[in-house]
PDB file of N, CA and C in Angstrom:
ATOM      1  N   MET A   1     -37.328   6.044   7.552  1.00  0.00           N
ATOM      2  CA  MET A   1     -36.023   5.501   7.270  1.00  0.00           C
ATOM      3  C   MET A   1     -35.286   5.336   8.602  1.00  0.00           C
ATOM      4  N   HIS A   2     -34.599   4.210   8.739  1.00  0.00           N
ATOM      5  CA  HIS A   2     -33.865   3.906   9.952  1.00  0.00           C
ATOM      6  C   HIS A   2     -32.378   4.116   9.708  1.00  0.00           C
ATOM      7  N   ILE A   3     -31.741   4.932  10.538  1.00  0.00           N
ATOM      8  CA  ILE A   3     -30.316   5.229  10.391  1.00  0.00           C
ATOM      9  C   ILE A   3     -29.564   4.544  11.523  1.00  0.00           C
ATOM     10  N   HIS A   4     -28.548   3.771  11.148  1.00  0.00           N
ATOM     11  CA  HIS A   4     -27.729   3.084  12.139  1.00  0.00           C
ATOM     12  C   HIS A   4     -26.625   4.011  12.627  1.00  0.00           C
ATOM     13  N   ALA A   5     -26.345   3.951  13.885  1.00  0.00           N
ATOM     14  CA  ALA A   5     -25.265   4.754  14.456  1.00  0.00           C
ATOM     15  C   ALA A   5     -23.916   4.146  14.078  1.00  0.00           C
ATOM     16  N   ASN A   6     -22.922   5.001  13.996  1.00  0.00           N
ATOM     17  CA  ASN A   6     -21.575   4.512  13.706  1.00  0.00           C
ATOM     18  C   ASN A   6     -21.064   3.730  14.897  1.00  0.00           C
ATOM     19  N   LEU A   7     -20.564   2.544  14.629  1.00  0.00           N
ATOM     20  CA  LEU A   7     -20.002   1.726  15.693  1.00  0.00           C
ATOM     21  C   LEU A   7     -18.566   2.166  15.963  1.00  0.00           C
ATOM     22  N   PRO A   8     -18.168   2.191  17.221  1.00  0.00           N
ATOM     23  CA  PRO A   8     -16.774   2.564  17.501  1.00  0.00           C
ATOM     24  C   PRO A   8     -15.830   1.497  16.954  1.00  0.00           C
ATOM     25  N   ASP A   9     -14.670   1.966  16.533  1.00  0.00           N
ATOM     26  CA  ASP A   9     -13.666   1.048  15.990  1.00  0.00           C
ATOM     27  C   ASP A   9     -13.135   0.180  17.123  1.00  0.00           C
ATOM     28  N   MET A  10     -13.247  -1.134  16.941  1.00  0.00           N
ATOM     29  CA  MET A  10     -12.809  -2.059  17.980  1.00  0.00           C
ATOM     30  C   MET A  10     -11.291  -2.249  17.977  1.00  0.00           C
ATOM     31  N   ASN A  11     -10.642  -1.828  16.892  1.00  0.00           N
ATOM     32  CA  ASN A  11      -9.186  -1.938  16.781  1.00  0.00           C
ATOM     33  C   ASN A  11      -8.600  -0.540  16.582  1.00  0.00           C
ATOM     34  N   PRO A  12      -8.481   0.225  17.641  1.00  0.00           N
ATOM     35  CA  PRO A  12      -7.944   1.578  17.477  1.00  0.00           C
ATOM     36  C   PRO A  12      -6.495   1.524  17.014  1.00  0.00           C
ATOM     37  N   VAL A  13      -6.092   2.553  16.294  1.00  0.00           N
ATOM     38  CA  VAL A  13      -4.732   2.614  15.765  1.00  0.00           C
ATOM     39  C   VAL A  13      -3.775   2.887  16.914  1.00  0.00           C
ATOM     40  N   ASN A  14      -2.784   2.034  17.032  1.00  0.00           N
ATOM     41  CA  ASN A  14      -1.782   2.178  18.068  1.00  0.00           C
ATOM     42  C   ASN A  14      -0.468   2.564  17.392  1.00  0.00           C
ATOM     43  N   PRO A  15      -0.011   3.812  17.588  1.00  0.00           N
ATOM     44  CA  PRO A  15       1.223   4.228  16.900  1.00  0.00           C
ATOM     45  C   PRO A  15       2.437   3.417  17.341  1.00  0.00           C
ATOM     46  N   TYR A  16       2.412   2.895  18.543  1.00  0.00           N
ATOM     47  CA  TYR A  16       3.539   2.098  19.014  1.00  0.00           C
ATOM     48  C   TYR A  16       3.602   0.750  18.304  1.00  0.00           C
ATOM     49  N   ALA A  17       2.438   0.213  17.936  1.00  0.00           N
ATOM     50  CA  ALA A  17       2.413  -1.069  17.227  1.00  0.00           C
ATOM     51  C   ALA A  17       3.035  -0.921  15.839  1.00  0.00           C
ATOM     52  N   ALA A  18       2.733   0.177  15.161  1.00  0.00           N
ATOM     53  CA  ALA A  18       3.299   0.406  13.833  1.00  0.00           C
ATOM     54  C   ALA A  18       4.817   0.563  13.925  1.00  0.00           C
ATOM     55  N   ALA A  19       5.275   1.281  14.929  1.00  0.00           N
ATOM     56  CA  ALA A  19       6.724   1.464  15.101  1.00  0.00           C
ATOM     57  C   ALA A  19       7.398   0.139  15.432  1.00  0.00           C
ATOM     58  N   ALA A  20       6.730  -0.674  16.234  1.00  0.00           N
ATOM     59  CA  ALA A  20       7.297  -1.974  16.589  1.00  0.00           C
ATOM     60  C   ALA A  20       7.381  -2.880  15.361  1.00  0.00           C
ATOM     61  N   GLU A  21       6.362  -2.832  14.507  1.00  0.00           N
ATOM     62  CA  GLU A  21       6.381  -3.644  13.285  1.00  0.00           C
ATOM     63  C   GLU A  21       7.521  -3.214  12.367  1.00  0.00           C
ATOM     64  N   LYS A  22       7.744  -1.907  12.257  1.00  0.00           N
ATOM     65  CA  LYS A  22       8.844  -1.411  11.421  1.00  0.00           C
ATOM     66  C   LYS A  22      10.188  -1.852  11.987  1.00  0.00           C
ATOM     67  N   ALA A  23      10.314  -1.795  13.302  1.00  0.00           N
ATOM     68  CA  ALA A  23      11.575  -2.206  13.933  1.00  0.00           C
ATOM     69  C   ALA A  23      11.830  -3.689  13.703  1.00  0.00           C
ATOM     70  N   ILE A  24      10.793  -4.495  13.809  1.00  0.00           N
ATOM     71  CA  ILE A  24      10.936  -5.940  13.575  1.00  0.00           C
ATOM     72  C   ILE A  24      11.319  -6.203  12.120  1.00  0.00           C
ATOM     73  N   ALA A  25      10.703  -5.464  11.194  1.00  0.00           N
ATOM     74  CA  ALA A  25      11.023  -5.642   9.776  1.00  0.00           C
ATOM     75  C   ALA A  25      12.479  -5.266   9.504  1.00  0.00           C
ATOM     76  N   LYS A  26      12.958  -4.188  10.122  1.00  0.00           N
ATOM     77  CA  LYS A  26      14.353  -3.792   9.943  1.00  0.00           C
ATOM     78  C   LYS A  26      15.295  -4.845  10.513  1.00  0.00           C
ATOM     79  N   GLN A  27      14.925  -5.394  11.663  1.00  0.00           N
ATOM     80  CA  GLN A  27      15.749  -6.410  12.298  1.00  0.00           C
ATOM     81  C   GLN A  27      15.824  -7.666  11.431  1.00  0.00           C
ATOM     82  N   ARG A  28      14.693  -8.080  10.885  1.00  0.00           N
ATOM     83  CA  ARG A  28      14.676  -9.259  10.009  1.00  0.00           C
ATOM     84  C   ARG A  28      15.487  -9.018   8.750  1.00  0.00           C
ATOM     85  N   ALA A  29      15.391  -7.804   8.190  1.00  0.00           N
ATOM     86  CA  ALA A  29      16.164  -7.480   6.995  1.00  0.00           C
ATOM     87  C   ALA A  29      17.658  -7.518   7.292  1.00  0.00           C
ATOM     88  N   ALA A  30      18.046  -7.007   8.463  1.00  0.00           N
ATOM     89  CA  ALA A  30      19.465  -7.028   8.837  1.00  0.00           C
ATOM     90  C   ALA A  30      19.962  -8.455   8.997  1.00  0.00           C
ATOM     91  N   ILE A  31      19.156  -9.315   9.594  1.00  0.00           N
ATOM     92  CA  ILE A  31      19.535 -10.723   9.746  1.00  0.00           C
ATOM     93  C   ILE A  31      19.684 -11.377   8.373  1.00  0.00           C
ATOM     94  N   GLY A  32      18.764 -11.080   7.470  1.00  0.00           N
ATOM     95  CA  GLY A  32      18.838 -11.625   6.113  1.00  0.00           C
ATOM     96  C   GLY A  32      20.082 -11.152   5.378  1.00  0.00           C
ATOM     97  N   ARG A  33      20.416  -9.859   5.534  1.00  0.00           N
ATOM     98  CA  ARG A  33      21.632  -9.348   4.890  1.00  0.00           C
ATOM     99  C   ARG A  33      22.873 -10.020   5.445  1.00  0.00           C
ATOM    100  N   LYS A  34      22.902 -10.250   6.750  1.00  0.00           N
ATOM    101  CA  LYS A  34      24.055 -10.913   7.356  1.00  0.00           C
ATOM    102  C   LYS A  34      24.206 -12.331   6.822  1.00  0.00           C
ATOM    103  N   LYS A  35      23.081 -13.048   6.707  1.00  0.00           N
ATOM    104  CA  LYS A  35      23.144 -14.416   6.177  1.00  0.00           C
ATOM    105  C   LYS A  35      23.628 -14.409   4.734  1.00  0.00           C
ATOM    106  N   LEU A  36      23.115 -13.486   3.931  1.00  0.00           N
ATOM    107  CA  LEU A  36      23.547 -13.409   2.538  1.00  0.00           C
ATOM    108  C   LEU A  36      25.027 -13.056   2.432  1.00  0.00           C
ATOM    109  N   ALA A  37      25.482 -12.149   3.280  1.00  0.00           N
ATOM    110  CA  ALA A  37      26.895 -11.756   3.253  1.00  0.00           C
ATOM    111  C   ALA A  37      27.783 -12.934   3.619  1.00  0.00           C
ATOM    112  N   LYS A  38      27.382 -13.740   4.594  1.00  0.00           N
ATOM    113  CA  LYS A  38      28.175 -14.909   4.976  1.00  0.00           C
ATOM    114  C   LYS A  38      28.256 -15.910   3.831  1.00  0.00           C
ATOM    115  N   ARG A  39      27.138 -16.123   3.152  1.00  0.00           N
ATOM    116  CA  ARG A  39      27.129 -17.081   2.046  1.00  0.00           C
ATOM    117  C   ARG A  39      27.918 -16.562   0.857  1.00  0.00           C
ATOM    118  N   ALA A  40      27.933 -15.249   0.654  1.00  0.00           N
ATOM    119  CA  ALA A  40      28.614 -14.667  -0.499  1.00  0.00           C
ATOM    120  C   ALA A  40      30.118 -14.641  -0.327  1.00  0.00           C
ATOM    121  N   LEU A  41      30.617 -14.812   0.883  1.00  0.00           N
ATOM    122  CA  LEU A  41      32.063 -14.778   1.096  1.00  0.00           C
ATOM    123  C   LEU A  41      32.780 -15.890   0.341  1.00  0.00           C
ATOM    124  N   GLY A  42      32.125 -17.020   0.141  1.00  0.00           N
ATOM    125  CA  GLY A  42      32.746 -18.138  -0.555  1.00  0.00           C
ATOM    126  C   GLY A  42      32.685 -18.035  -2.067  1.00  0.00           C
ATOM    127  N   ILE A  43      31.970 -17.069  -2.588  1.00  0.00           N
ATOM    128  CA  ILE A  43      31.814 -16.921  -4.038  1.00  0.00           C
ATOM    129  C   ILE A  43      32.935 -16.037  -4.577  1.00  0.00           C
ATOM    130  N   GLU A  44      33.613 -16.518  -5.626  1.00  0.00           N
ATOM    131  CA  GLU A  44      34.675 -15.718  -6.222  1.00  0.00           C
ATOM    132  C   GLU A  44      34.071 -14.534  -6.960  1.00  0.00           C
ATOM    133  N   GLY A  45      34.730 -13.410  -6.841  1.00  0.00           N
ATOM    134  CA  GLY A  45      34.280 -12.208  -7.539  1.00  0.00           C
ATOM    135  C   GLY A  45      33.226 -11.432  -6.776  1.00  0.00           C
ATOM    136  N   ALA A  46      32.764 -11.957  -5.676  1.00  0.00           N
ATOM    137  CA  ALA A  46      31.775 -11.234  -4.880  1.00  0.00           C
ATOM    138  C   ALA A  46      32.485 -10.151  -4.073  1.00  0.00           C
ATOM    139  N   PRO A  47      31.875  -8.984  -3.964  1.00  0.00           N
ATOM    140  CA  PRO A  47      32.523  -7.920  -3.196  1.00  0.00           C
ATOM    141  C   PRO A  47      32.526  -8.245  -1.699  1.00  0.00           C
ATOM    142  N   SER A  48      33.482  -7.669  -1.007  1.00  0.00           N
ATOM    143  CA  SER A  48      33.526  -7.843   0.448  1.00  0.00           C
ATOM    144  C   SER A  48      32.328  -7.107   1.057  1.00  0.00           C
ATOM    145  N   PRO A  49      31.987  -7.399   2.295  1.00  0.00           N
ATOM    146  CA  PRO A  49      30.856  -6.702   2.909  1.00  0.00           C
ATOM    147  C   PRO A  49      31.024  -5.184   2.917  1.00  0.00           C
ATOM    148  N   VAL A  50      32.250  -4.715   3.101  1.00  0.00           N
ATOM    149  CA  VAL A  50      32.493  -3.268   3.098  1.00  0.00           C
ATOM    150  C   VAL A  50      32.248  -2.698   1.705  1.00  0.00           C
ATOM    151  N   GLU A  51      32.761  -3.395   0.690  1.00  0.00           N
ATOM    152  CA  GLU A  51      32.542  -2.945  -0.685  1.00  0.00           C
ATOM    153  C   GLU A  51      31.061  -2.958  -1.032  1.00  0.00           C
ATOM    154  N   ALA A  52      30.362  -3.999  -0.640  1.00  0.00           N
ATOM    155  CA  ALA A  52      28.937  -4.097  -0.927  1.00  0.00           C
ATOM    156  C   ALA A  52      28.170  -2.968  -0.252  1.00  0.00           C
ATOM    157  N   PHE A  53      28.560  -2.631   0.978  1.00  0.00           N
ATOM    158  CA  PHE A  53      27.904  -1.528   1.688  1.00  0.00           C
ATOM    159  C   PHE A  53      28.139  -0.212   0.962  1.00  0.00           C
ATOM    160  N   MET A  54      29.385   0.010   0.530  1.00  0.00           N
ATOM    161  CA  MET A  54      29.713   1.259  -0.156  1.00  0.00           C
ATOM    162  C   MET A  54      28.955   1.370  -1.475  1.00  0.00           C
ATOM    163  N   ILE A  55      28.881   0.273  -2.210  1.00  0.00           N
ATOM    164  CA  ILE A  55      28.156   0.281  -3.485  1.00  0.00           C
ATOM    165  C   ILE A  55      26.664   0.517  -3.238  1.00  0.00           C
ATOM    166  N   GLY A  56      26.111  -0.145  -2.227  1.00  0.00           N
ATOM    167  CA  GLY A  56      24.702   0.038  -1.905  1.00  0.00           C
ATOM    168  C   GLY A  56      24.392   1.462  -1.491  1.00  0.00           C
ATOM    169  N   THR A  57      25.292   2.071  -0.716  1.00  0.00           N
ATOM    170  CA  THR A  57      25.097   3.462  -0.300  1.00  0.00           C
ATOM    171  C   THR A  57      25.167   4.391  -1.495  1.00  0.00           C
ATOM    172  N   TRP A  58      26.110   4.118  -2.386  1.00  0.00           N
ATOM    173  CA  TRP A  58      26.256   4.955  -3.574  1.00  0.00           C
ATOM    174  C   TRP A  58      25.020   4.840  -4.463  1.00  0.00           C
ATOM    175  N   MET A  59      24.537   3.619  -4.651  1.00  0.00           N
ATOM    176  CA  MET A  59      23.362   3.422  -5.505  1.00  0.00           C
ATOM    177  C   MET A  59      22.124   4.070  -4.900  1.00  0.00           C
ATOM    178  N   ALA A  60      21.996   4.024  -3.581  1.00  0.00           N
ATOM    179  CA  ALA A  60      20.823   4.601  -2.927  1.00  0.00           C
ATOM    180  C   ALA A  60      20.860   6.124  -2.974  1.00  0.00           C
ATOM    181  N   SER A  61      22.038   6.722  -3.067  1.00  0.00           N
ATOM    182  CA  SER A  61      22.143   8.174  -3.054  1.00  0.00           C
ATOM    183  C   SER A  61      21.916   8.789  -4.431  1.00  0.00           C
ATOM    184  N   ARG A  62      21.955   7.972  -5.473  1.00  0.00           N
ATOM    185  CA  ARG A  62      21.752   8.482  -6.827  1.00  0.00           C
ATOM    186  C   ARG A  62      20.302   8.842  -7.030  1.00  0.00           C
ATOM    187  N   PRO A  63      20.031   9.964  -7.722  1.00  0.00           N
ATOM    188  CA  PRO A  63      18.632  10.314  -8.018  1.00  0.00           C
ATOM    189  C   PRO A  63      18.032   9.313  -8.997  1.00  0.00           C
ATOM    190  N   ASP A  64      16.766   9.089  -8.855  1.00  0.00           N
ATOM    191  CA  ASP A  64      16.073   8.134  -9.711  1.00  0.00           C
ATOM    192  C   ASP A  64      15.981   8.694 -11.124  1.00  0.00           C
ATOM    193  N   GLU A  65      16.257   7.861 -12.108  1.00  0.00           N
ATOM    194  CA  GLU A  65      16.227   8.289 -13.502  1.00  0.00           C
ATOM    195  C   GLU A  65      14.819   8.703 -13.930  1.00  0.00           C
ATOM    196  N   CYS A  66      13.793   8.129 -13.335  1.00  0.00           N
ATOM    197  CA  CYS A  66      12.414   8.394 -13.737  1.00  0.00           C
ATOM    198  C   CYS A  66      11.888   9.713 -13.195  1.00  0.00           C
ATOM    199  N   GLU A  67      12.546  10.301 -12.228  1.00  0.00           N
ATOM    200  CA  GLU A  67      12.041  11.516 -11.608  1.00  0.00           C
ATOM    201  C   GLU A  67      12.275  12.746 -12.473  1.00  0.00           C
ATOM    202  N   LYS A  68      13.095  12.641 -13.495  1.00  0.00           N
ATOM    203  CA  LYS A  68      13.414  13.804 -14.355  1.00  0.00           C
ATOM    204  C   LYS A  68      12.231  14.230 -15.164  1.00  0.00           C
TER     205      LYS A  68
END
């Protein structure tokens, strides 16, 4: 029986690359939120950016109903 040796991984994991990807994703999300906030300013009944932030923070701090 012939056993093949394990080949070294040609794409080693780079922890800095993962952190950079997360930072880019956060930056893109922030840009998207800013664009949405600008467009929502013209809509009647839409909360102000401060109100939307407060509501989002409050909703994120609530425990998930499914975890009980």
